[in-house]
């Protein structure tokens, strides 16, 4: 029974870790994308 609970903990942790990594990558890429858009707007205004 303990082994099942321990394995369940690992099974639960892995997807959360994957989701966390994906969110990190997505948030960093969206920030770069926003910076790029702002630079394009500023370049067009000047």
PDB file of N, CA and C in Angstrom:
ATOM      1  N   UNK A   1       0.837  -1.205   0.000  1.00  0.00           N
ATOM      2  CA  UNK A   1       0.000   0.000   0.000  1.00  0.00           C
ATOM      3  C   UNK A   1       0.872   1.256   0.000  1.00  0.00           C
ATOM      4  N   UNK A   2       1.931   1.279   0.808  1.00  0.00           N
ATOM      5  CA  UNK A   2       2.815   2.451   0.848  1.00  0.00           C
ATOM      6  C   UNK A   2       3.464   2.680  -0.506  1.00  0.00           C
ATOM      7  N   UNK A   3       3.861   1.582  -1.165  1.00  0.00           N
ATOM      8  CA  UNK A   3       4.513   1.715  -2.475  1.00  0.00           C
ATOM      9  C   UNK A   3       3.559   2.363  -3.474  1.00  0.00           C
ATOM     10  N   UNK A   4       2.295   1.981  -3.425  1.00  0.00           N
ATOM     11  CA  UNK A   4       1.299   2.549  -4.348  1.00  0.00           C
ATOM     12  C   UNK A   4       1.168   4.051  -4.099  1.00  0.00           C
ATOM     13  N   UNK A   5       1.101   4.452  -2.836  1.00  0.00           N
ATOM     14  CA  UNK A   5       0.961   5.875  -2.493  1.00  0.00           C
ATOM     15  C   UNK A   5       2.197   6.645  -2.951  1.00  0.00           C
ATOM     16  N   UNK A   6       3.389   6.083  -2.729  1.00  0.00           N
ATOM     17  CA  UNK A   6       4.621   6.758  -3.149  1.00  0.00           C
ATOM     18  C   UNK A   6       4.663   6.905  -4.663  1.00  0.00           C
ATOM     19  N   UNK A   7       4.277   5.845  -5.378  1.00  0.00           N
ATOM     20  CA  UNK A   7       4.286   5.912  -6.840  1.00  0.00           C
ATOM     21  C   UNK A   7       3.254   6.926  -7.329  1.00  0.00           C
ATOM     22  N   UNK A   8       2.114   7.005  -6.650  1.00  0.00           N
ATOM     23  CA  UNK A   8       1.091   7.994  -7.011  1.00  0.00           C
ATOM     24  C   UNK A   8       1.631   9.405  -6.828  1.00  0.00           C
ATOM     25  N   UNK A   9       2.383   9.631  -5.748  1.00  0.00           N
ATOM     26  CA  UNK A   9       2.977  10.954  -5.524  1.00  0.00           C
ATOM     27  C   UNK A   9       3.877  11.333  -6.692  1.00  0.00           C
ATOM     28  N   UNK A  10       4.700  10.374  -7.150  1.00  0.00           N
ATOM     29  CA  UNK A  10       5.598  10.666  -8.272  1.00  0.00           C
ATOM     30  C   UNK A  10       4.796  10.909  -9.544  1.00  0.00           C
ATOM     31  N   UNK A  11       3.755  10.104  -9.758  1.00  0.00           N
ATOM     32  CA  UNK A  11       2.930  10.256 -10.966  1.00  0.00           C
ATOM     33  C   UNK A  11       2.261  11.627 -10.967  1.00  0.00           C
ATOM     34  N   UNK A  12       1.850  12.098  -9.783  1.00  0.00           N
ATOM     35  CA  UNK A  12       1.206  13.415  -9.692  1.00  0.00           C
ATOM     36  C   UNK A  12       2.236  14.523  -9.896  1.00  0.00           C
ATOM     37  N   UNK A  13       3.457  14.336  -9.366  1.00  0.00           N
ATOM     38  CA  UNK A  13       4.476  15.385  -9.452  1.00  0.00           C
ATOM     39  C   UNK A  13       4.944  15.605 -10.883  1.00  0.00           C
ATOM     40  N   UNK A  14       5.102  14.530 -11.648  1.00  0.00           N
ATOM     41  CA  UNK A  14       5.698  14.648 -12.989  1.00  0.00           C
ATOM     42  C   UNK A  14       4.858  15.549 -13.905  1.00  0.00           C
ATOM     43  N   UNK A  15       3.545  15.332 -14.045  1.00  0.00           N
ATOM     44  CA  UNK A  15       2.756  16.220 -14.915  1.00  0.00           C
ATOM     45  C   UNK A  15       2.790  17.676 -14.462  1.00  0.00           C
ATOM     46  N   UNK A  16       2.762  17.905 -13.149  1.00  0.00           N
ATOM     47  CA  UNK A  16       2.834  19.282 -12.655  1.00  0.00           C
ATOM     48  C   UNK A  16       4.152  19.919 -13.055  1.00  0.00           C
ATOM     49  N   UNK A  17       5.238  19.142 -12.979  1.00  0.00           N
ATOM     50  CA  UNK A  17       6.558  19.652 -13.364  1.00  0.00           C
ATOM     51  C   UNK A  17       6.579  19.987 -14.849  1.00  0.00           C
ATOM     52  N   UNK A  18       5.999  19.103 -15.670  1.00  0.00           N
ATOM     53  CA  UNK A  18       5.965  19.336 -17.121  1.00  0.00           C
ATOM     54  C   UNK A  18       5.144  20.589 -17.420  1.00  0.00           C
ATOM     55  N   UNK A  19       3.984  20.715 -16.777  1.00  0.00           N
ATOM     56  CA  UNK A  19       3.125  21.891 -16.993  1.00  0.00           C
ATOM     57  C   UNK A  19       3.855  23.157 -16.565  1.00  0.00           C
ATOM     58  N   UNK A  20       4.578  23.086 -15.442  1.00  0.00           N
ATOM     59  CA  UNK A  20       5.321  24.244 -14.941  1.00  0.00           C
ATOM     60  C   UNK A  20       6.375  24.672 -15.953  1.00  0.00           C
ATOM     61  N   UNK A  21       7.101  23.694 -16.507  1.00  0.00           N
ATOM     62  CA  UNK A  21       8.146  24.005 -17.496  1.00  0.00           C
ATOM     63  C   UNK A  21       7.514  24.618 -18.742  1.00  0.00           C
ATOM     64  N   UNK A  22       6.392  24.050 -19.199  1.00  0.00           N
ATOM     65  CA  UNK A  22       5.723  24.575 -20.401  1.00  0.00           C
ATOM     66  C   UNK A  22       5.258  26.008 -20.145  1.00  0.00           C
ATOM     67  N   UNK A  23       4.681  26.263 -18.966  1.00  0.00           N
ATOM     68  CA  UNK A  23       4.227  27.617 -18.638  1.00  0.00           C
ATOM     69  C   UNK A  23       5.402  28.585 -18.600  1.00  0.00           C
ATOM     70  N   UNK A  24       6.525  28.152 -18.027  1.00  0.00           N
ATOM     71  CA  UNK A  24       7.720  29.001 -17.977  1.00  0.00           C
ATOM     72  C   UNK A  24       8.158  29.366 -19.389  1.00  0.00           C
ATOM     73  N   UNK A  25       8.255  28.370 -20.258  1.00  0.00           N
ATOM     74  CA  UNK A  25       8.684  28.617 -21.638  1.00  0.00           C
ATOM     75  C   UNK A  25       7.685  29.540 -22.329  1.00  0.00           C
ATOM     76  N   UNK A  26       6.392  29.294 -22.126  1.00  0.00           N
ATOM     77  CA  UNK A  26       5.360  30.086 -22.792  1.00  0.00           C
ATOM     78  C   UNK A  26       5.402  31.534 -22.317  1.00  0.00           C
ATOM     79  N   UNK A  27       5.556  31.753 -21.005  1.00  0.00           N
ATOM     80  CA  UNK A  27       5.558  33.116 -20.462  1.00  0.00           C
ATOM     81  C   UNK A  27       6.789  33.873 -20.944  1.00  0.00           C
ATOM     82  N   UNK A  28       7.944  33.218 -20.982  1.00  0.00           N
ATOM     83  CA  UNK A  28       9.164  33.900 -21.429  1.00  0.00           C
ATOM     84  C   UNK A  28       9.062  34.231 -22.912  1.00  0.00           C
ATOM     85  N   UNK A  29       8.505  33.327 -23.727  1.00  0.00           N
ATOM     86  CA  UNK A  29       8.392  33.580 -25.158  1.00  0.00           C
ATOM     87  C   UNK A  29       7.364  34.685 -25.416  1.00  0.00           C
ATOM     88  N   UNK A  30       6.277  34.732 -24.637  1.00  0.00           N
ATOM     89  CA  UNK A  30       5.267  35.772 -24.821  1.00  0.00           C
ATOM     90  C   UNK A  30       5.841  37.135 -24.444  1.00  0.00           C
ATOM     91  N   UNK A  31       6.717  37.179 -23.418  1.00  0.00           N
ATOM     92  CA  UNK A  31       7.359  38.444 -23.048  1.00  0.00           C
ATOM     93  C   UNK A  31       8.233  38.934 -24.193  1.00  0.00           C
ATOM     94  N   UNK A  32       9.022  38.040 -24.781  1.00  0.00           N
ATOM     95  CA  UNK A  32       9.882  38.417 -25.903  1.00  0.00           C
ATOM     96  C   UNK A  32       9.022  38.896 -27.072  1.00  0.00           C
ATOM     97  N   UNK A  33       7.892  38.227 -27.299  1.00  0.00           N
ATOM     98  CA  UNK A  33       6.996  38.596 -28.394  1.00  0.00           C
ATOM     99  C   UNK A  33       6.417  39.991 -28.161  1.00  0.00           C
ATOM    100  N   UNK A  34       6.009  40.282 -26.914  1.00  0.00           N
ATOM    101  CA  UNK A  34       5.481  41.615 -26.594  1.00  0.00           C
ATOM    102  C   UNK A  34       6.555  42.674 -26.777  1.00  0.00           C
ATOM    103  N   UNK A  35       7.778  42.392 -26.332  1.00  0.00           N
ATOM    104  CA  UNK A  35       8.879  43.341 -26.513  1.00  0.00           C
ATOM    105  C   UNK A  35       9.105  43.599 -27.994  1.00  0.00           C
ATOM    106  N   UNK A  36       9.031  42.554 -28.799  1.00  0.00           N
ATOM    107  CA  UNK A  36       9.225  42.686 -30.247  1.00  0.00           C
ATOM    108  C   UNK A  36       8.140  43.579 -30.846  1.00  0.00           C
ATOM    109  N   UNK A  37       6.890  43.363 -30.432  1.00  0.00           N
ATOM    110  CA  UNK A  37       5.778  44.182 -30.942  1.00  0.00           C
ATOM    111  C   UNK A  37       5.973  45.640 -30.528  1.00  0.00           C
ATOM    112  N   UNK A  38       6.363  45.877 -29.271  1.00  0.00           N
ATOM    113  CA  UNK A  38       6.578  47.244 -28.799  1.00  0.00           C
ATOM    114  C   UNK A  38       7.696  47.912 -29.590  1.00  0.00           C
ATOM    115  N   UNK A  39       8.774  47.180 -29.863  1.00  0.00           N
ATOM    116  CA  UNK A  39       9.881  47.744 -30.642  1.00  0.00           C
ATOM    117  C   UNK A  39       9.414  48.084 -32.050  1.00  0.00           C
ATOM    118  N   UNK A  40       8.597  47.215 -32.633  1.00  0.00           N
ATOM    119  CA  UNK A  40       8.078  47.476 -33.979  1.00  0.00           C
ATOM    120  C   UNK A  40       7.200  48.730 -33.971  1.00  0.00           C
ATOM    121  N   UNK A  41       6.330  48.863 -32.972  1.00  0.00           N
ATOM    122  CA  UNK A  41       5.460  50.040 -32.876  1.00  0.00           C
ATOM    123  C   UNK A  41       6.297  51.301 -32.709  1.00  0.00           C
ATOM    124  N   UNK A  42       7.288  51.262 -31.819  1.00  0.00           N
ATOM    125  CA  UNK A  42       8.136  52.427 -31.586  1.00  0.00           C
ATOM    126  C   UNK A  42       8.907  52.782 -32.854  1.00  0.00           C
ATOM    127  N   UNK A  43       9.373  51.770 -33.558  1.00  0.00           N
ATOM    128  CA  UNK A  43      10.118  52.012 -34.797  1.00  0.00           C
ATOM    129  C   UNK A  43       9.225  52.658 -35.845  1.00  0.00           C
ATOM    130  N   UNK A  44       7.964  52.232 -35.928  1.00  0.00           N
ATOM    131  CA  UNK A  44       7.044  52.798 -36.912  1.00  0.00           C
ATOM    132  C   UNK A  44       6.653  54.224 -36.538  1.00  0.00           C
ATOM    133  N   UNK A  45       6.523  54.497 -35.232  1.00  0.00           N
ATOM    134  CA  UNK A  45       6.139  55.836 -34.796  1.00  0.00           C
ATOM    135  C   UNK A  45       7.253  56.837 -35.076  1.00  0.00           C
ATOM    136  N   UNK A  46       8.493  56.416 -34.875  1.00  0.00           N
ATOM    137  CA  UNK A  46       9.608  57.338 -35.131  1.00  0.00           C
ATOM    138  C   UNK A  46       9.802  57.374 -36.593  1.00  0.00           C
TER     139      UNK A  46
END
